[in-house]
Protein backbone atom coordinates (compact mmCIF):
# COMPACT_ATOMS: atom_id res chain seq x y z
CA UNK A 1 0.00 0.00 0.00
CA UNK A 2 2.77 2.45 0.92
CA UNK A 3 4.62 1.72 -2.32
CA UNK A 4 1.50 2.47 -4.34
CA UNK A 5 1.05 5.81 -2.60
CA UNK A 6 4.70 6.67 -3.20
CA UNK A 7 4.45 5.73 -6.88
CA UNK A 8 1.38 7.94 -7.32
CA UNK A 9 3.09 10.82 -5.51
CA UNK A 10 6.21 10.35 -7.66
CA UNK A 11 4.04 10.66 -10.77
CA UNK A 12 2.44 13.82 -9.42
CA UNK A 13 5.85 15.29 -8.60
CA UNK A 14 7.16 14.48 -12.10
CA UNK A 15 4.11 16.15 -13.65
CA UNK A 16 4.65 19.22 -11.48
CA UNK A 17 8.31 19.35 -12.53
CA UNK A 18 7.20 19.47 -16.17
CA UNK A 19 4.69 22.25 -15.44
CA UNK A 20 7.30 24.20 -13.48
CA UNK A 21 9.83 23.77 -16.29
CA UNK A 22 7.34 25.39 -18.67
CA UNK A 23 7.12 28.29 -16.22
CA UNK A 24 10.91 28.41 -16.08
CA UNK A 25 11.14 28.71 -19.87
CA UNK A 26 8.26 31.18 -20.29
CA UNK A 27 8.88 33.35 -17.22
CA UNK A 28 8.76 37.04 -18.06
CA UNK A 29 11.69 38.03 -15.84
CA UNK A 30 14.55 36.48 -13.94
CA UNK A 31 12.73 36.41 -10.59
CA UNK A 32 9.96 34.15 -11.98
CA UNK A 33 12.63 31.90 -13.44
CA UNK A 34 14.48 31.82 -10.13
CA UNK A 35 11.35 30.81 -8.23
CA UNK A 36 10.59 28.12 -10.82
CA UNK A 37 14.17 26.82 -10.57
CA UNK A 38 13.92 26.69 -6.79
CA UNK A 39 10.62 24.82 -7.01
CA UNK A 40 12.12 22.31 -9.44
CA UNK A 41 15.02 21.81 -7.04
CA UNK A 42 12.67 21.05 -4.15
CA UNK A 43 10.71 18.63 -6.31
CA UNK A 44 13.87 16.88 -7.48
CA UNK A 45 14.89 16.53 -3.83
CA UNK A 46 11.66 14.67 -3.20
CA UNK A 47 12.37 12.43 -6.20
CA UNK A 48 15.82 11.64 -4.75
CA UNK A 49 14.27 10.77 -1.39
CA UNK A 50 11.66 8.56 -3.04
CA UNK A 51 14.42 6.83 -5.00
CA UNK A 52 16.26 6.19 -1.74
CA UNK A 53 13.10 4.61 -0.33
CA UNK A 54 12.40 2.41 -3.36
CA UNK A 55 15.99 1.20 -3.74
CA UNK A 56 16.54 0.93 0.02
CA UNK A 57 19.75 2.98 -0.29
CA UNK A 58 19.84 5.53 2.50
CA UNK A 59 23.10 7.04 1.22
CA UNK A 60 20.91 8.94 -1.26
CA UNK A 61 19.51 10.91 1.66
CA UNK A 62 22.98 12.39 2.21
CA UNK A 63 23.09 13.31 -1.45
CA UNK A 64 19.69 14.99 -1.14
CA UNK A 65 20.84 16.92 1.93
CA UNK A 66 23.97 18.27 0.23
CA UNK A 67 22.01 19.04 -2.94
CA UNK A 68 19.42 20.96 -0.93
CA UNK A 69 22.05 23.02 0.89
CA UNK A 70 23.90 23.89 -2.32
CA UNK A 71 20.64 24.76 -4.04
CA UNK A 72 19.65 27.07 -1.21
CA UNK A 73 23.00 28.87 -1.32
CA UNK A 74 22.82 29.13 -5.10
CA UNK A 75 19.34 30.64 -5.08
CA UNK A 76 20.37 33.17 -2.43
CA UNK A 77 23.47 34.13 -4.44
CA UNK A 78 21.52 34.56 -7.69
CA UNK A 79 18.78 36.56 -5.95
CA UNK A 80 21.33 38.90 -4.38
CA UNK A 81 23.10 39.28 -7.70
CA UNK A 82 19.80 40.07 -9.42
CA UNK A 83 19.04 42.76 -6.86
CA UNK A 84 22.46 44.32 -7.41
CA UNK A 85 23.77 43.62 -3.93
CA UNK A 86 26.51 41.19 -4.92
C-alpha atoms as a PDB file:
ATOM      1  CA  UNK A   1       0.000   0.000   0.000  1.00  0.00           C
ATOM      2  CA  UNK A   2       2.767   2.449   0.917  1.00  0.00           C
ATOM      3  CA  UNK A   3       4.624   1.716  -2.321  1.00  0.00           C
ATOM      4  CA  UNK A   4       1.500   2.474  -4.343  1.00  0.00           C
ATOM      5  CA  UNK A   5       1.053   5.806  -2.597  1.00  0.00           C
ATOM      6  CA  UNK A   6       4.704   6.666  -3.202  1.00  0.00           C
ATOM      7  CA  UNK A   7       4.450   5.733  -6.883  1.00  0.00           C
ATOM      8  CA  UNK A   8       1.382   7.943  -7.321  1.00  0.00           C
ATOM      9  CA  UNK A   9       3.087  10.816  -5.509  1.00  0.00           C
ATOM     10  CA  UNK A  10       6.211  10.351  -7.665  1.00  0.00           C
ATOM     11  CA  UNK A  11       4.045  10.659 -10.766  1.00  0.00           C
ATOM     12  CA  UNK A  12       2.443  13.822  -9.422  1.00  0.00           C
ATOM     13  CA  UNK A  13       5.850  15.288  -8.604  1.00  0.00           C
ATOM     14  CA  UNK A  14       7.157  14.484 -12.096  1.00  0.00           C
ATOM     15  CA  UNK A  15       4.110  16.151 -13.646  1.00  0.00           C
ATOM     16  CA  UNK A  16       4.648  19.224 -11.483  1.00  0.00           C
ATOM     17  CA  UNK A  17       8.314  19.346 -12.535  1.00  0.00           C
ATOM     18  CA  UNK A  18       7.197  19.469 -16.172  1.00  0.00           C
ATOM     19  CA  UNK A  19       4.693  22.254 -15.439  1.00  0.00           C
ATOM     20  CA  UNK A  20       7.304  24.198 -13.483  1.00  0.00           C
ATOM     21  CA  UNK A  21       9.828  23.769 -16.293  1.00  0.00           C
ATOM     22  CA  UNK A  22       7.343  25.393 -18.671  1.00  0.00           C
ATOM     23  CA  UNK A  23       7.118  28.286 -16.218  1.00  0.00           C
ATOM     24  CA  UNK A  24      10.909  28.410 -16.084  1.00  0.00           C
ATOM     25  CA  UNK A  25      11.140  28.712 -19.869  1.00  0.00           C
ATOM     26  CA  UNK A  26       8.262  31.183 -20.288  1.00  0.00           C
ATOM     27  CA  UNK A  27       8.884  33.348 -17.216  1.00  0.00           C
ATOM     28  CA  UNK A  28       8.762  37.043 -18.062  1.00  0.00           C
ATOM     29  CA  UNK A  29      11.687  38.033 -15.837  1.00  0.00           C
ATOM     30  CA  UNK A  30      14.551  36.476 -13.939  1.00  0.00           C
ATOM     31  CA  UNK A  31      12.726  36.410 -10.595  1.00  0.00           C
ATOM     32  CA  UNK A  32       9.963  34.154 -11.979  1.00  0.00           C
ATOM     33  CA  UNK A  33      12.629  31.897 -13.437  1.00  0.00           C
ATOM     34  CA  UNK A  34      14.476  31.824 -10.129  1.00  0.00           C
ATOM     35  CA  UNK A  35      11.350  30.812  -8.229  1.00  0.00           C
ATOM     36  CA  UNK A  36      10.594  28.117 -10.819  1.00  0.00           C
ATOM     37  CA  UNK A  37      14.166  26.821 -10.565  1.00  0.00           C
ATOM     38  CA  UNK A  38      13.924  26.694  -6.786  1.00  0.00           C
ATOM     39  CA  UNK A  39      10.618  24.820  -7.008  1.00  0.00           C
ATOM     40  CA  UNK A  40      12.124  22.310  -9.440  1.00  0.00           C
ATOM     41  CA  UNK A  41      15.019  21.808  -7.037  1.00  0.00           C
ATOM     42  CA  UNK A  42      12.668  21.053  -4.155  1.00  0.00           C
ATOM     43  CA  UNK A  43      10.708  18.626  -6.307  1.00  0.00           C
ATOM     44  CA  UNK A  44      13.870  16.882  -7.476  1.00  0.00           C
ATOM     45  CA  UNK A  45      14.886  16.527  -3.832  1.00  0.00           C
ATOM     46  CA  UNK A  46      11.661  14.673  -3.196  1.00  0.00           C
ATOM     47  CA  UNK A  47      12.374  12.428  -6.197  1.00  0.00           C
ATOM     48  CA  UNK A  48      15.822  11.636  -4.748  1.00  0.00           C
ATOM     49  CA  UNK A  49      14.271  10.771  -1.387  1.00  0.00           C
ATOM     50  CA  UNK A  50      11.658   8.557  -3.040  1.00  0.00           C
ATOM     51  CA  UNK A  51      14.424   6.827  -4.995  1.00  0.00           C
ATOM     52  CA  UNK A  52      16.265   6.190  -1.743  1.00  0.00           C
ATOM     53  CA  UNK A  53      13.096   4.612  -0.328  1.00  0.00           C
ATOM     54  CA  UNK A  54      12.397   2.415  -3.364  1.00  0.00           C
ATOM     55  CA  UNK A  55      15.991   1.204  -3.736  1.00  0.00           C
ATOM     56  CA  UNK A  56      16.538   0.931   0.023  1.00  0.00           C
ATOM     57  CA  UNK A  57      19.751   2.977  -0.287  1.00  0.00           C
ATOM     58  CA  UNK A  58      19.837   5.527   2.504  1.00  0.00           C
ATOM     59  CA  UNK A  59      23.100   7.042   1.218  1.00  0.00           C
ATOM     60  CA  UNK A  60      20.910   8.940  -1.264  1.00  0.00           C
ATOM     61  CA  UNK A  61      19.508  10.915   1.664  1.00  0.00           C
ATOM     62  CA  UNK A  62      22.975  12.385   2.215  1.00  0.00           C
ATOM     63  CA  UNK A  63      23.095  13.309  -1.449  1.00  0.00           C
ATOM     64  CA  UNK A  64      19.693  14.994  -1.137  1.00  0.00           C
ATOM     65  CA  UNK A  65      20.836  16.925   1.931  1.00  0.00           C
ATOM     66  CA  UNK A  66      23.965  18.271   0.228  1.00  0.00           C
ATOM     67  CA  UNK A  67      22.013  19.042  -2.942  1.00  0.00           C
ATOM     68  CA  UNK A  68      19.422  20.963  -0.932  1.00  0.00           C
ATOM     69  CA  UNK A  69      22.049  23.025   0.886  1.00  0.00           C
ATOM     70  CA  UNK A  70      23.897  23.889  -2.319  1.00  0.00           C
ATOM     71  CA  UNK A  71      20.644  24.763  -4.040  1.00  0.00           C
ATOM     72  CA  UNK A  72      19.650  27.072  -1.206  1.00  0.00           C
ATOM     73  CA  UNK A  73      22.996  28.866  -1.324  1.00  0.00           C
ATOM     74  CA  UNK A  74      22.822  29.131  -5.102  1.00  0.00           C
ATOM     75  CA  UNK A  75      19.339  30.639  -5.083  1.00  0.00           C
ATOM     76  CA  UNK A  76      20.369  33.166  -2.432  1.00  0.00           C
ATOM     77  CA  UNK A  77      23.467  34.134  -4.445  1.00  0.00           C
ATOM     78  CA  UNK A  78      21.524  34.557  -7.692  1.00  0.00           C
ATOM     79  CA  UNK A  79      18.782  36.557  -5.953  1.00  0.00           C
ATOM     80  CA  UNK A  80      21.332  38.896  -4.375  1.00  0.00           C
ATOM     81  CA  UNK A  81      23.101  39.285  -7.700  1.00  0.00           C
ATOM     82  CA  UNK A  82      19.800  40.074  -9.416  1.00  0.00           C
ATOM     83  CA  UNK A  83      19.041  42.763  -6.858  1.00  0.00           C
ATOM     84  CA  UNK A  84      22.463  44.324  -7.414  1.00  0.00           C
ATOM     85  CA  UNK A  85      23.770  43.623  -3.927  1.00  0.00           C
ATOM     86  CA  UNK A  86      26.505  41.190  -4.924  1.00  0.00           C
END
